[in-house]
Amino acid sequence: MSSVISVYIISKAGGLIFSHDQPSPTAEVVARFPHQQGLVLEEVDRNVVVKFGEQHGIQVGYSLVAINGQPVSNRCLPSGENAAQYLNSPDNYPLSLKFSRLKTSINERIMLLSMFHSIYAISVKLSPENKSSGIQCLEAETFKLHCLQTVTGVKFIVIADRKQGSVDDLLKKIYELYADYVLKNPFYALDMPIRCELFNVNLIKLLEAESRSSYLTGTTTA
């Protein structure tokens, strides 16, 4: 697995102007439940999502994708029956349930990264040090968020494996690619979404090289 999970670029105004996810295996869990499963589910958009009651490797936020091998689409089974209602009937057990981790939508990413932009500004204000550099690294249970803000206010964010070491050099190299292939593009307008093939291609090459380097040095698990 790649040590780098995602790369984001936020404009100085706080808007998401670029996002990239490294290929990763889909997290899926199949578990058999002899009786009502004890999971608390809720309908979110067109999905049935775990709200509470983690078990069998099924985590909060995972989406129900199949019941007894029958796919769940738009919250319903192929018969048209609502999946959540089907699970609430004791007579339907035992059941084999398949869950999968959902990827965040582009709208969710825009909202979440806008929130991070605001939190970053708050951290600068709260810092006891003058001219604080703001949030540089946030560590969670399963990942780390690394951030580099340039002098122009553009933020470069890397989501990486928790066991990954410093990515300062990687962030600087991503900034260099941005300067070379985005800022020097005569058709690019500042603070607008980045659509530059050369930037995408060279970013992927850089991340692949970083992944190989991390694997060889043992800074993250394969």
N, C-alpha and C. Protein backbone atom coordinates (compact mmCIF):
# COMPACT_ATOMS: atom_id res chain seq x y z
N MET A 1 0.84 -1.19 0.00
CA MET A 1 0.00 0.00 0.00
C MET A 1 0.87 1.24 0.00
N SER A 2 0.45 2.26 -0.76
CA SER A 2 1.20 3.49 -0.82
C SER A 2 1.21 4.17 0.54
N SER A 3 2.34 4.82 0.86
CA SER A 3 2.43 5.55 2.12
C SER A 3 1.62 6.83 2.08
N VAL A 4 1.44 7.37 0.87
CA VAL A 4 0.63 8.57 0.68
C VAL A 4 -0.76 8.15 0.24
N ILE A 5 -1.77 8.68 0.90
CA ILE A 5 -3.15 8.31 0.62
C ILE A 5 -3.81 9.33 -0.31
N SER A 6 -3.67 10.61 0.01
CA SER A 6 -4.32 11.66 -0.78
C SER A 6 -3.47 12.92 -0.78
N VAL A 7 -3.70 13.75 -1.80
CA VAL A 7 -3.06 15.06 -1.91
C VAL A 7 -4.15 16.09 -2.22
N TYR A 8 -4.12 17.20 -1.49
CA TYR A 8 -5.09 18.27 -1.72
C TYR A 8 -4.34 19.60 -1.82
N ILE A 9 -4.92 20.51 -2.60
CA ILE A 9 -4.41 21.88 -2.67
C ILE A 9 -5.58 22.81 -2.41
N ILE A 10 -5.37 23.74 -1.46
CA ILE A 10 -6.41 24.70 -1.09
C ILE A 10 -5.94 26.11 -1.46
N SER A 11 -6.81 26.87 -2.09
CA SER A 11 -6.46 28.24 -2.46
C SER A 11 -6.34 29.12 -1.23
N LYS A 12 -5.80 30.31 -1.40
CA LYS A 12 -5.63 31.22 -0.25
C LYS A 12 -6.98 31.65 0.33
N ALA A 13 -8.05 31.51 -0.48
CA ALA A 13 -9.38 31.86 0.00
C ALA A 13 -10.06 30.69 0.72
N GLY A 14 -9.43 29.51 0.68
CA GLY A 14 -9.98 28.35 1.38
C GLY A 14 -10.75 27.39 0.52
N GLY A 15 -10.69 27.56 -0.81
CA GLY A 15 -11.41 26.67 -1.71
C GLY A 15 -10.54 25.51 -2.16
N LEU A 16 -11.13 24.35 -2.31
CA LEU A 16 -10.42 23.18 -2.81
C LEU A 16 -10.21 23.35 -4.32
N ILE A 17 -8.94 23.35 -4.76
CA ILE A 17 -8.66 23.53 -6.18
C ILE A 17 -8.01 22.30 -6.81
N PHE A 18 -7.66 21.32 -5.97
CA PHE A 18 -7.08 20.08 -6.52
C PHE A 18 -7.19 18.97 -5.49
N SER A 19 -7.50 17.77 -5.98
CA SER A 19 -7.48 16.60 -5.10
C SER A 19 -7.04 15.38 -5.90
N HIS A 20 -6.31 14.51 -5.24
CA HIS A 20 -5.83 13.28 -5.88
C HIS A 20 -5.77 12.19 -4.83
N ASP A 21 -6.30 11.01 -5.18
CA ASP A 21 -6.23 9.84 -4.30
C ASP A 21 -5.33 8.80 -4.94
N GLN A 22 -4.44 8.25 -4.15
CA GLN A 22 -3.63 7.15 -4.62
C GLN A 22 -4.48 5.87 -4.66
N PRO A 23 -4.23 4.99 -5.63
CA PRO A 23 -4.99 3.74 -5.69
C PRO A 23 -4.81 2.94 -4.41
N SER A 24 -5.91 2.40 -3.91
CA SER A 24 -5.84 1.59 -2.69
C SER A 24 -6.94 0.54 -2.75
N PRO A 25 -6.71 -0.61 -2.11
CA PRO A 25 -7.75 -1.65 -2.12
C PRO A 25 -8.99 -1.20 -1.39
N THR A 26 -10.15 -1.58 -1.90
CA THR A 26 -11.41 -1.21 -1.27
C THR A 26 -11.58 -1.99 0.03
N ALA A 27 -11.90 -1.26 1.10
CA ALA A 27 -12.11 -1.90 2.39
C ALA A 27 -13.51 -2.50 2.43
N GLU A 28 -13.59 -3.84 2.41
CA GLU A 28 -14.87 -4.52 2.45
C GLU A 28 -14.87 -5.56 3.57
N VAL A 29 -16.00 -5.71 4.23
CA VAL A 29 -16.14 -6.66 5.32
C VAL A 29 -17.44 -7.43 5.13
N VAL A 30 -17.35 -8.76 5.18
CA VAL A 30 -18.53 -9.62 5.12
C VAL A 30 -18.66 -10.33 6.46
N ALA A 31 -19.81 -10.25 7.08
CA ALA A 31 -20.03 -10.90 8.38
C ALA A 31 -21.41 -11.55 8.41
N ARG A 32 -21.49 -12.65 9.14
CA ARG A 32 -22.76 -13.37 9.27
C ARG A 32 -23.38 -13.04 10.63
N PHE A 33 -24.66 -12.70 10.60
CA PHE A 33 -25.37 -12.33 11.82
C PHE A 33 -26.52 -13.31 12.05
N PRO A 34 -26.47 -14.10 13.14
CA PRO A 34 -27.54 -15.08 13.40
C PRO A 34 -28.85 -14.43 13.84
N HIS A 35 -28.75 -13.19 14.34
CA HIS A 35 -29.94 -12.47 14.78
C HIS A 35 -29.71 -10.99 14.54
N GLN A 36 -30.65 -10.17 14.93
CA GLN A 36 -30.52 -8.73 14.68
C GLN A 36 -29.15 -8.26 15.16
N GLN A 37 -28.47 -7.53 14.28
CA GLN A 37 -27.03 -7.39 14.34
C GLN A 37 -26.48 -6.46 15.42
N GLY A 38 -27.29 -5.64 16.05
CA GLY A 38 -26.77 -4.74 17.07
C GLY A 38 -26.12 -3.51 16.49
N LEU A 39 -26.05 -3.43 15.17
CA LEU A 39 -25.54 -2.22 14.53
C LEU A 39 -26.65 -1.18 14.46
N VAL A 40 -26.27 0.07 14.64
CA VAL A 40 -27.22 1.17 14.46
C VAL A 40 -26.94 1.78 13.10
N LEU A 41 -27.92 1.69 12.22
CA LEU A 41 -27.77 2.16 10.86
C LEU A 41 -28.61 3.41 10.62
N GLU A 42 -28.18 4.23 9.68
CA GLU A 42 -28.96 5.39 9.29
C GLU A 42 -28.87 5.57 7.78
N GLU A 43 -29.89 6.17 7.21
CA GLU A 43 -29.90 6.43 5.78
C GLU A 43 -29.27 7.79 5.52
N VAL A 44 -28.19 7.77 4.75
CA VAL A 44 -27.47 9.00 4.40
C VAL A 44 -27.41 9.09 2.88
N ASP A 45 -28.01 10.14 2.35
CA ASP A 45 -28.14 10.28 0.90
C ASP A 45 -28.81 9.02 0.35
N ARG A 46 -28.10 8.24 -0.46
CA ARG A 46 -28.69 7.03 -1.05
C ARG A 46 -28.07 5.76 -0.47
N ASN A 47 -27.48 5.88 0.73
CA ASN A 47 -26.79 4.74 1.33
C ASN A 47 -27.34 4.43 2.71
N VAL A 48 -27.15 3.17 3.13
CA VAL A 48 -27.45 2.75 4.49
C VAL A 48 -26.10 2.65 5.20
N VAL A 49 -25.86 3.51 6.18
CA VAL A 49 -24.54 3.69 6.76
C VAL A 49 -24.53 3.35 8.24
N VAL A 50 -23.41 2.76 8.70
CA VAL A 50 -23.26 2.42 10.11
C VAL A 50 -23.06 3.69 10.93
N LYS A 51 -23.94 3.88 11.92
CA LYS A 51 -23.87 5.06 12.80
C LYS A 51 -23.23 4.71 14.13
N PHE A 52 -23.45 3.47 14.60
CA PHE A 52 -22.96 3.08 15.93
C PHE A 52 -22.94 1.55 16.01
N GLY A 53 -22.05 1.02 16.87
CA GLY A 53 -22.03 -0.42 17.13
C GLY A 53 -21.00 -1.18 16.34
N GLU A 54 -19.78 -0.68 16.26
CA GLU A 54 -18.72 -1.35 15.49
C GLU A 54 -18.51 -2.78 15.96
N GLN A 55 -18.37 -3.71 15.00
CA GLN A 55 -18.12 -5.13 15.31
C GLN A 55 -17.71 -5.85 14.03
N HIS A 56 -17.01 -6.97 14.20
CA HIS A 56 -16.57 -7.81 13.06
C HIS A 56 -15.76 -7.01 12.03
N GLY A 57 -15.08 -5.97 12.47
CA GLY A 57 -14.32 -5.17 11.53
C GLY A 57 -15.15 -4.12 10.81
N ILE A 58 -16.44 -4.07 11.09
CA ILE A 58 -17.34 -3.08 10.48
C ILE A 58 -17.25 -1.80 11.30
N GLN A 59 -16.91 -0.71 10.65
CA GLN A 59 -16.66 0.53 11.35
C GLN A 59 -17.74 1.57 11.07
N VAL A 60 -17.81 2.54 11.95
CA VAL A 60 -18.73 3.67 11.74
C VAL A 60 -18.40 4.34 10.41
N GLY A 61 -19.43 4.62 9.64
CA GLY A 61 -19.24 5.23 8.33
C GLY A 61 -19.25 4.25 7.18
N TYR A 62 -19.12 2.94 7.49
CA TYR A 62 -19.18 1.93 6.43
C TYR A 62 -20.61 1.86 5.89
N SER A 63 -20.72 1.55 4.61
CA SER A 63 -22.02 1.48 3.95
C SER A 63 -22.40 0.04 3.65
N LEU A 64 -23.67 -0.29 3.84
CA LEU A 64 -24.19 -1.62 3.52
C LEU A 64 -24.29 -1.76 2.01
N VAL A 65 -23.59 -2.76 1.44
CA VAL A 65 -23.57 -2.92 -0.01
C VAL A 65 -24.24 -4.21 -0.48
N ALA A 66 -24.46 -5.17 0.43
CA ALA A 66 -25.12 -6.41 0.01
C ALA A 66 -25.72 -7.14 1.21
N ILE A 67 -26.85 -7.82 0.97
CA ILE A 67 -27.50 -8.67 1.97
C ILE A 67 -27.67 -10.05 1.34
N ASN A 68 -27.06 -11.06 1.94
CA ASN A 68 -27.10 -12.42 1.39
C ASN A 68 -26.69 -12.45 -0.08
N GLY A 69 -25.70 -11.64 -0.41
CA GLY A 69 -25.20 -11.61 -1.77
C GLY A 69 -26.00 -10.75 -2.73
N GLN A 70 -27.14 -10.23 -2.29
CA GLN A 70 -27.95 -9.36 -3.13
C GLN A 70 -27.50 -7.91 -2.94
N PRO A 71 -27.18 -7.22 -4.03
CA PRO A 71 -26.65 -5.85 -3.90
C PRO A 71 -27.69 -4.89 -3.35
N VAL A 72 -27.21 -3.95 -2.54
CA VAL A 72 -28.06 -2.87 -2.03
C VAL A 72 -27.73 -1.61 -2.83
N SER A 73 -28.72 -1.07 -3.51
CA SER A 73 -28.52 0.12 -4.33
C SER A 73 -29.63 1.11 -4.03
N ASN A 74 -29.24 2.37 -3.84
CA ASN A 74 -30.22 3.40 -3.49
C ASN A 74 -31.06 2.99 -2.28
N ARG A 75 -30.39 2.35 -1.32
CA ARG A 75 -30.99 1.93 -0.05
C ARG A 75 -31.95 0.77 -0.17
N CYS A 76 -32.04 0.16 -1.37
CA CYS A 76 -33.01 -0.90 -1.58
C CYS A 76 -32.37 -2.16 -2.14
N LEU A 77 -33.02 -3.28 -1.88
CA LEU A 77 -32.65 -4.56 -2.48
C LEU A 77 -33.21 -4.63 -3.90
N PRO A 78 -32.74 -5.60 -4.71
CA PRO A 78 -33.27 -5.72 -6.08
C PRO A 78 -34.79 -5.85 -6.14
N SER A 79 -35.40 -6.40 -5.07
CA SER A 79 -36.86 -6.55 -5.03
C SER A 79 -37.58 -5.23 -4.83
N GLY A 80 -36.81 -4.18 -4.46
CA GLY A 80 -37.41 -2.88 -4.19
C GLY A 80 -37.64 -2.62 -2.72
N GLU A 81 -37.43 -3.65 -1.89
CA GLU A 81 -37.64 -3.50 -0.45
C GLU A 81 -36.53 -2.68 0.17
N ASN A 82 -36.90 -1.79 1.08
CA ASN A 82 -35.92 -0.96 1.76
C ASN A 82 -35.00 -1.83 2.61
N ALA A 83 -33.68 -1.67 2.44
CA ALA A 83 -32.70 -2.53 3.12
C ALA A 83 -32.76 -2.38 4.63
N ALA A 84 -32.89 -1.15 5.12
CA ALA A 84 -32.92 -0.92 6.57
C ALA A 84 -34.15 -1.58 7.19
N GLN A 85 -35.28 -1.50 6.52
CA GLN A 85 -36.49 -2.13 7.03
C GLN A 85 -36.36 -3.65 7.01
N TYR A 86 -35.70 -4.17 5.98
CA TYR A 86 -35.47 -5.62 5.89
C TYR A 86 -34.65 -6.11 7.08
N LEU A 87 -33.65 -5.35 7.48
CA LEU A 87 -32.79 -5.74 8.60
C LEU A 87 -33.52 -5.66 9.93
N ASN A 88 -34.58 -4.86 10.00
CA ASN A 88 -35.30 -4.69 11.26
C ASN A 88 -36.27 -5.84 11.55
N SER A 89 -36.44 -6.74 10.57
CA SER A 89 -37.37 -7.84 10.77
C SER A 89 -36.63 -9.08 11.29
N PRO A 90 -36.91 -9.54 12.51
CA PRO A 90 -36.22 -10.73 13.07
C PRO A 90 -36.41 -11.98 12.22
N ASP A 91 -37.52 -12.05 11.48
CA ASP A 91 -37.81 -13.25 10.69
C ASP A 91 -36.85 -13.43 9.52
N ASN A 92 -36.10 -12.38 9.15
CA ASN A 92 -35.20 -12.46 8.00
C ASN A 92 -33.81 -13.02 8.36
N TYR A 93 -33.58 -13.25 9.66
CA TYR A 93 -32.27 -13.74 10.08
C TYR A 93 -32.25 -15.26 10.10
N PRO A 94 -31.03 -15.87 9.96
CA PRO A 94 -29.69 -15.25 9.90
C PRO A 94 -29.42 -14.60 8.53
N LEU A 95 -28.47 -13.64 8.55
CA LEU A 95 -28.14 -12.89 7.34
C LEU A 95 -26.63 -12.77 7.18
N SER A 96 -26.20 -12.70 5.94
CA SER A 96 -24.81 -12.37 5.62
C SER A 96 -24.81 -10.95 5.09
N LEU A 97 -24.09 -10.07 5.78
CA LEU A 97 -24.09 -8.65 5.40
C LEU A 97 -22.70 -8.24 4.93
N LYS A 98 -22.68 -7.49 3.87
CA LYS A 98 -21.42 -6.99 3.31
C LYS A 98 -21.41 -5.46 3.41
N PHE A 99 -20.32 -4.94 4.02
CA PHE A 99 -20.16 -3.50 4.18
C PHE A 99 -18.90 -3.04 3.46
N SER A 100 -18.90 -1.80 3.03
CA SER A 100 -17.74 -1.23 2.36
C SER A 100 -17.54 0.21 2.82
N ARG A 101 -16.30 0.61 2.89
CA ARG A 101 -15.99 2.00 3.26
C ARG A 101 -16.28 2.92 2.08
N LEU A 102 -17.05 3.95 2.33
CA LEU A 102 -17.40 4.90 1.27
C LEU A 102 -16.32 5.97 1.13
N LYS A 103 -16.06 6.35 -0.11
CA LYS A 103 -15.16 7.47 -0.34
C LYS A 103 -15.96 8.77 -0.22
N THR A 104 -15.31 9.80 0.29
CA THR A 104 -15.99 11.08 0.41
C THR A 104 -16.26 11.66 -0.97
N SER A 105 -17.40 12.29 -1.12
CA SER A 105 -17.76 12.91 -2.39
C SER A 105 -16.99 14.21 -2.55
N ILE A 106 -16.98 14.75 -3.76
CA ILE A 106 -16.27 16.00 -4.00
C ILE A 106 -16.88 17.13 -3.19
N ASN A 107 -18.20 17.12 -3.01
CA ASN A 107 -18.85 18.17 -2.21
C ASN A 107 -18.45 18.07 -0.74
N GLU A 108 -18.32 16.84 -0.24
CA GLU A 108 -17.88 16.65 1.15
C GLU A 108 -16.45 17.12 1.32
N ARG A 109 -15.61 16.85 0.32
CA ARG A 109 -14.21 17.29 0.41
C ARG A 109 -14.11 18.82 0.41
N ILE A 110 -14.90 19.43 -0.43
CA ILE A 110 -14.91 20.90 -0.47
C ILE A 110 -15.27 21.47 0.89
N MET A 111 -16.31 20.90 1.51
CA MET A 111 -16.75 21.39 2.81
C MET A 111 -15.71 21.13 3.89
N LEU A 112 -15.16 19.90 3.93
CA LEU A 112 -14.21 19.53 4.98
C LEU A 112 -12.91 20.33 4.89
N LEU A 113 -12.42 20.53 3.68
CA LEU A 113 -11.17 21.27 3.53
C LEU A 113 -11.36 22.76 3.76
N SER A 114 -12.57 23.25 3.50
CA SER A 114 -12.88 24.63 3.86
C SER A 114 -12.86 24.78 5.38
N MET A 115 -13.37 23.77 6.08
CA MET A 115 -13.32 23.79 7.55
C MET A 115 -11.89 23.75 8.04
N PHE A 116 -11.04 22.92 7.40
CA PHE A 116 -9.63 22.86 7.81
C PHE A 116 -8.96 24.21 7.62
N HIS A 117 -9.29 24.89 6.52
CA HIS A 117 -8.74 26.22 6.26
C HIS A 117 -9.06 27.17 7.42
N SER A 118 -10.29 27.08 7.92
CA SER A 118 -10.70 27.94 9.04
C SER A 118 -9.99 27.54 10.33
N ILE A 119 -9.88 26.22 10.56
CA ILE A 119 -9.19 25.74 11.77
C ILE A 119 -7.72 26.15 11.74
N TYR A 120 -7.12 26.09 10.55
CA TYR A 120 -5.72 26.51 10.39
C TYR A 120 -5.57 27.98 10.83
N ALA A 121 -6.49 28.83 10.37
CA ALA A 121 -6.42 30.25 10.73
C ALA A 121 -6.60 30.44 12.23
N ILE A 122 -7.49 29.65 12.85
CA ILE A 122 -7.70 29.73 14.30
C ILE A 122 -6.43 29.32 15.04
N SER A 123 -5.75 28.27 14.55
CA SER A 123 -4.53 27.81 15.22
C SER A 123 -3.44 28.88 15.20
N VAL A 124 -3.39 29.64 14.12
CA VAL A 124 -2.40 30.73 14.04
C VAL A 124 -2.72 31.80 15.08
N LYS A 125 -4.01 32.10 15.23
CA LYS A 125 -4.42 33.12 16.20
C LYS A 125 -4.18 32.67 17.63
N LEU A 126 -4.40 31.39 17.90
CA LEU A 126 -4.28 30.88 19.26
C LEU A 126 -2.83 30.63 19.68
N SER A 127 -1.94 30.54 18.72
CA SER A 127 -0.54 30.23 19.04
C SER A 127 0.07 31.32 19.93
N PRO A 128 0.81 30.91 20.97
CA PRO A 128 1.48 31.90 21.82
C PRO A 128 2.70 32.54 21.14
N GLU A 129 3.11 31.97 20.02
CA GLU A 129 4.27 32.48 19.29
C GLU A 129 3.83 33.42 18.18
N ASN A 130 4.58 34.50 18.00
CA ASN A 130 4.31 35.41 16.90
C ASN A 130 4.67 34.75 15.57
N LYS A 131 3.95 35.09 14.54
CA LYS A 131 4.20 34.56 13.19
C LYS A 131 4.21 33.03 13.20
N SER A 132 3.22 32.45 13.85
CA SER A 132 3.10 30.98 13.89
C SER A 132 2.88 30.44 12.49
N SER A 133 3.46 29.28 12.24
CA SER A 133 3.30 28.64 10.93
C SER A 133 1.99 27.87 10.83
N GLY A 134 1.20 27.84 11.89
CA GLY A 134 -0.08 27.14 11.86
C GLY A 134 0.09 25.64 11.96
N ILE A 135 -0.94 24.91 11.58
CA ILE A 135 -0.94 23.45 11.67
C ILE A 135 -0.01 22.87 10.61
N GLN A 136 0.96 22.11 11.05
CA GLN A 136 1.86 21.43 10.13
C GLN A 136 1.58 19.94 10.07
N CYS A 137 1.09 19.37 11.17
CA CYS A 137 0.81 17.93 11.19
C CYS A 137 -0.28 17.63 12.21
N LEU A 138 -1.27 16.86 11.77
CA LEU A 138 -2.31 16.34 12.66
C LEU A 138 -2.25 14.82 12.61
N GLU A 139 -2.19 14.18 13.76
CA GLU A 139 -2.07 12.73 13.80
C GLU A 139 -3.35 12.11 14.33
N ALA A 140 -3.91 11.18 13.57
CA ALA A 140 -5.09 10.43 13.98
C ALA A 140 -4.70 8.98 14.21
N GLU A 141 -5.67 8.14 14.49
CA GLU A 141 -5.38 6.74 14.80
C GLU A 141 -4.85 5.98 13.60
N THR A 142 -5.32 6.34 12.40
CA THR A 142 -4.96 5.57 11.21
C THR A 142 -4.23 6.36 10.14
N PHE A 143 -4.03 7.66 10.33
CA PHE A 143 -3.36 8.46 9.31
C PHE A 143 -2.78 9.74 9.93
N LYS A 144 -1.97 10.42 9.13
CA LYS A 144 -1.47 11.74 9.49
C LYS A 144 -1.81 12.73 8.39
N LEU A 145 -2.16 13.93 8.79
CA LEU A 145 -2.39 15.02 7.85
C LEU A 145 -1.21 15.98 7.95
N HIS A 146 -0.54 16.20 6.84
CA HIS A 146 0.60 17.11 6.78
C HIS A 146 0.23 18.32 5.93
N CYS A 147 0.62 19.50 6.37
CA CYS A 147 0.23 20.72 5.65
C CYS A 147 1.42 21.67 5.47
N LEU A 148 1.52 22.22 4.28
CA LEU A 148 2.50 23.25 3.97
C LEU A 148 1.77 24.44 3.39
N GLN A 149 1.88 25.60 4.05
CA GLN A 149 1.30 26.82 3.50
C GLN A 149 2.41 27.67 2.90
N THR A 150 2.21 28.11 1.68
CA THR A 150 3.20 28.94 0.99
C THR A 150 3.04 30.39 1.41
N VAL A 151 3.97 31.23 0.99
CA VAL A 151 3.92 32.66 1.34
C VAL A 151 2.71 33.33 0.70
N THR A 152 2.16 32.74 -0.35
CA THR A 152 0.98 33.32 -1.01
C THR A 152 -0.32 32.84 -0.38
N GLY A 153 -0.23 31.93 0.61
CA GLY A 153 -1.42 31.46 1.30
C GLY A 153 -2.01 30.18 0.75
N VAL A 154 -1.43 29.63 -0.32
CA VAL A 154 -1.90 28.36 -0.87
C VAL A 154 -1.43 27.23 0.05
N LYS A 155 -2.33 26.30 0.35
CA LYS A 155 -1.99 25.19 1.24
C LYS A 155 -1.87 23.89 0.45
N PHE A 156 -0.82 23.14 0.74
CA PHE A 156 -0.61 21.82 0.16
C PHE A 156 -0.77 20.82 1.29
N ILE A 157 -1.67 19.86 1.11
CA ILE A 157 -1.98 18.89 2.16
C ILE A 157 -1.72 17.48 1.66
N VAL A 158 -1.05 16.69 2.48
CA VAL A 158 -0.81 15.28 2.19
C VAL A 158 -1.39 14.45 3.32
N ILE A 159 -2.27 13.51 2.97
CA ILE A 159 -2.76 12.54 3.92
C ILE A 159 -1.91 11.29 3.74
N ALA A 160 -1.25 10.85 4.80
CA ALA A 160 -0.31 9.73 4.69
C ALA A 160 -0.55 8.70 5.77
N ASP A 161 0.01 7.52 5.55
CA ASP A 161 -0.01 6.46 6.55
C ASP A 161 0.56 6.98 7.87
N ARG A 162 -0.04 6.54 8.97
CA ARG A 162 0.40 7.04 10.28
C ARG A 162 1.86 6.71 10.58
N LYS A 163 2.37 5.60 9.99
CA LYS A 163 3.74 5.20 10.24
C LYS A 163 4.73 5.90 9.31
N GLN A 164 4.21 6.69 8.37
CA GLN A 164 5.08 7.42 7.48
C GLN A 164 5.82 8.51 8.25
N GLY A 165 7.10 8.67 7.95
CA GLY A 165 7.89 9.71 8.61
C GLY A 165 7.57 11.08 8.05
N SER A 166 8.50 12.00 8.19
CA SER A 166 8.31 13.36 7.71
C SER A 166 8.09 13.39 6.20
N VAL A 167 7.16 14.24 5.78
CA VAL A 167 6.91 14.41 4.34
C VAL A 167 7.22 15.85 3.92
N ASP A 168 8.05 16.52 4.68
CA ASP A 168 8.39 17.91 4.36
C ASP A 168 8.99 18.03 2.96
N ASP A 169 9.91 17.13 2.63
CA ASP A 169 10.54 17.19 1.31
C ASP A 169 9.51 16.91 0.22
N LEU A 170 8.60 15.97 0.48
CA LEU A 170 7.56 15.65 -0.51
C LEU A 170 6.65 16.86 -0.74
N LEU A 171 6.26 17.53 0.32
CA LEU A 171 5.41 18.71 0.18
C LEU A 171 6.10 19.79 -0.65
N LYS A 172 7.40 19.97 -0.42
CA LYS A 172 8.14 20.96 -1.18
C LYS A 172 8.23 20.58 -2.65
N LYS A 173 8.38 19.29 -2.92
CA LYS A 173 8.46 18.83 -4.32
C LYS A 173 7.11 18.99 -5.02
N ILE A 174 6.03 18.76 -4.29
CA ILE A 174 4.70 18.98 -4.87
C ILE A 174 4.52 20.47 -5.20
N TYR A 175 5.00 21.31 -4.30
CA TYR A 175 4.93 22.77 -4.55
C TYR A 175 5.75 23.14 -5.78
N GLU A 176 6.91 22.51 -5.94
CA GLU A 176 7.74 22.79 -7.12
C GLU A 176 7.02 22.37 -8.41
N LEU A 177 6.34 21.22 -8.37
CA LEU A 177 5.56 20.79 -9.54
C LEU A 177 4.44 21.78 -9.84
N TYR A 178 3.81 22.27 -8.78
CA TYR A 178 2.75 23.26 -8.92
C TYR A 178 3.29 24.54 -9.58
N ALA A 179 4.47 24.97 -9.12
CA ALA A 179 5.07 26.18 -9.69
C ALA A 179 5.47 25.98 -11.15
N ASP A 180 5.98 24.79 -11.47
CA ASP A 180 6.48 24.53 -12.82
C ASP A 180 5.36 24.29 -13.83
N TYR A 181 4.35 23.52 -13.43
CA TYR A 181 3.36 23.08 -14.41
C TYR A 181 2.01 23.77 -14.31
N VAL A 182 1.73 24.41 -13.17
CA VAL A 182 0.44 25.10 -13.02
C VAL A 182 0.60 26.61 -13.15
N LEU A 183 1.47 27.18 -12.33
CA LEU A 183 1.63 28.64 -12.35
C LEU A 183 2.21 29.14 -13.68
N LYS A 184 3.02 28.31 -14.33
CA LYS A 184 3.62 28.72 -15.60
C LYS A 184 2.72 28.40 -16.80
N ASN A 185 1.57 27.83 -16.52
CA ASN A 185 0.61 27.54 -17.58
C ASN A 185 -0.15 28.82 -17.92
N PRO A 186 -0.02 29.33 -19.15
CA PRO A 186 -0.66 30.61 -19.50
C PRO A 186 -2.18 30.57 -19.46
N PHE A 187 -2.76 29.36 -19.45
CA PHE A 187 -4.21 29.23 -19.46
C PHE A 187 -4.79 29.06 -18.04
N TYR A 188 -3.90 29.03 -17.03
CA TYR A 188 -4.39 28.83 -15.68
C TYR A 188 -4.64 30.17 -14.99
N ALA A 189 -5.82 30.28 -14.33
CA ALA A 189 -6.16 31.46 -13.54
C ALA A 189 -6.02 31.12 -12.07
N LEU A 190 -5.36 31.99 -11.32
CA LEU A 190 -5.12 31.74 -9.89
C LEU A 190 -6.41 31.46 -9.14
N ASP A 191 -6.32 30.54 -8.20
CA ASP A 191 -7.42 30.15 -7.31
C ASP A 191 -8.54 29.38 -8.02
N MET A 192 -8.33 29.02 -9.26
CA MET A 192 -9.31 28.21 -9.98
C MET A 192 -8.92 26.74 -9.91
N PRO A 193 -9.86 25.83 -10.10
CA PRO A 193 -9.52 24.39 -10.08
C PRO A 193 -8.40 24.07 -11.06
N ILE A 194 -7.50 23.20 -10.62
CA ILE A 194 -6.32 22.84 -11.43
C ILE A 194 -6.66 21.70 -12.37
N ARG A 195 -6.56 21.96 -13.65
CA ARG A 195 -6.77 20.93 -14.68
C ARG A 195 -5.58 20.98 -15.63
N CYS A 196 -4.51 20.34 -15.21
CA CYS A 196 -3.25 20.37 -15.96
C CYS A 196 -2.70 18.95 -16.04
N GLU A 197 -2.70 18.38 -17.23
CA GLU A 197 -2.28 17.00 -17.40
C GLU A 197 -0.84 16.77 -16.99
N LEU A 198 0.06 17.71 -17.34
CA LEU A 198 1.47 17.54 -16.99
C LEU A 198 1.66 17.54 -15.47
N PHE A 199 0.89 18.36 -14.77
CA PHE A 199 0.98 18.37 -13.31
C PHE A 199 0.52 17.03 -12.75
N ASN A 200 -0.61 16.52 -13.26
CA ASN A 200 -1.14 15.24 -12.79
C ASN A 200 -0.15 14.11 -13.01
N VAL A 201 0.41 14.04 -14.23
CA VAL A 201 1.33 12.95 -14.57
C VAL A 201 2.57 12.98 -13.69
N ASN A 202 3.15 14.16 -13.52
CA ASN A 202 4.38 14.26 -12.72
C ASN A 202 4.12 14.10 -11.23
N LEU A 203 2.93 14.46 -10.78
CA LEU A 203 2.59 14.23 -9.38
C LEU A 203 2.48 12.73 -9.10
N ILE A 204 1.84 12.00 -9.99
CA ILE A 204 1.72 10.55 -9.82
C ILE A 204 3.09 9.89 -9.81
N LYS A 205 3.97 10.32 -10.70
CA LYS A 205 5.34 9.78 -10.72
C LYS A 205 6.05 10.06 -9.40
N LEU A 206 5.87 11.25 -8.88
CA LEU A 206 6.51 11.62 -7.61
C LEU A 206 5.99 10.76 -6.47
N LEU A 207 4.68 10.56 -6.42
CA LEU A 207 4.08 9.77 -5.33
C LEU A 207 4.47 8.30 -5.42
N GLU A 208 4.58 7.79 -6.64
CA GLU A 208 5.02 6.40 -6.82
C GLU A 208 6.47 6.23 -6.36
N ALA A 209 7.31 7.21 -6.67
CA ALA A 209 8.70 7.16 -6.22
C ALA A 209 8.78 7.25 -4.70
N GLU A 210 7.93 8.07 -4.10
CA GLU A 210 7.88 8.20 -2.64
C GLU A 210 7.45 6.89 -2.00
N SER A 211 6.49 6.22 -2.62
CA SER A 211 6.00 4.95 -2.10
C SER A 211 7.10 3.89 -2.13
N ARG A 212 7.82 3.84 -3.24
CA ARG A 212 8.92 2.86 -3.34
C ARG A 212 10.01 3.16 -2.32
N SER A 213 10.31 4.43 -2.14
CA SER A 213 11.34 4.84 -1.17
C SER A 213 10.93 4.48 0.24
N SER A 214 9.66 4.71 0.58
CA SER A 214 9.17 4.37 1.91
C SER A 214 9.21 2.88 2.17
N TYR A 215 8.86 2.11 1.13
CA TYR A 215 8.86 0.64 1.27
C TYR A 215 10.28 0.14 1.52
N LEU A 216 11.25 0.69 0.77
CA LEU A 216 12.63 0.23 0.90
C LEU A 216 13.25 0.60 2.22
N THR A 217 12.87 1.79 2.75
CA THR A 217 13.44 2.23 4.00
C THR A 217 12.66 1.73 5.21
N GLY A 218 11.48 1.15 4.95
CA GLY A 218 10.70 0.58 6.04
C GLY A 218 10.00 1.59 6.89
N THR A 219 9.70 2.79 6.35
CA THR A 219 9.03 3.81 7.14
C THR A 219 7.54 3.60 7.20
N THR A 220 7.01 2.68 6.40
CA THR A 220 5.59 2.35 6.47
C THR A 220 5.41 0.91 6.10
N THR A 221 4.27 0.37 6.42
CA THR A 221 4.03 -1.04 6.13
C THR A 221 3.47 -1.21 4.74
N ALA A 222 3.79 -2.39 4.12
CA ALA A 222 3.26 -2.65 2.79
C ALA A 222 1.85 -3.18 2.87
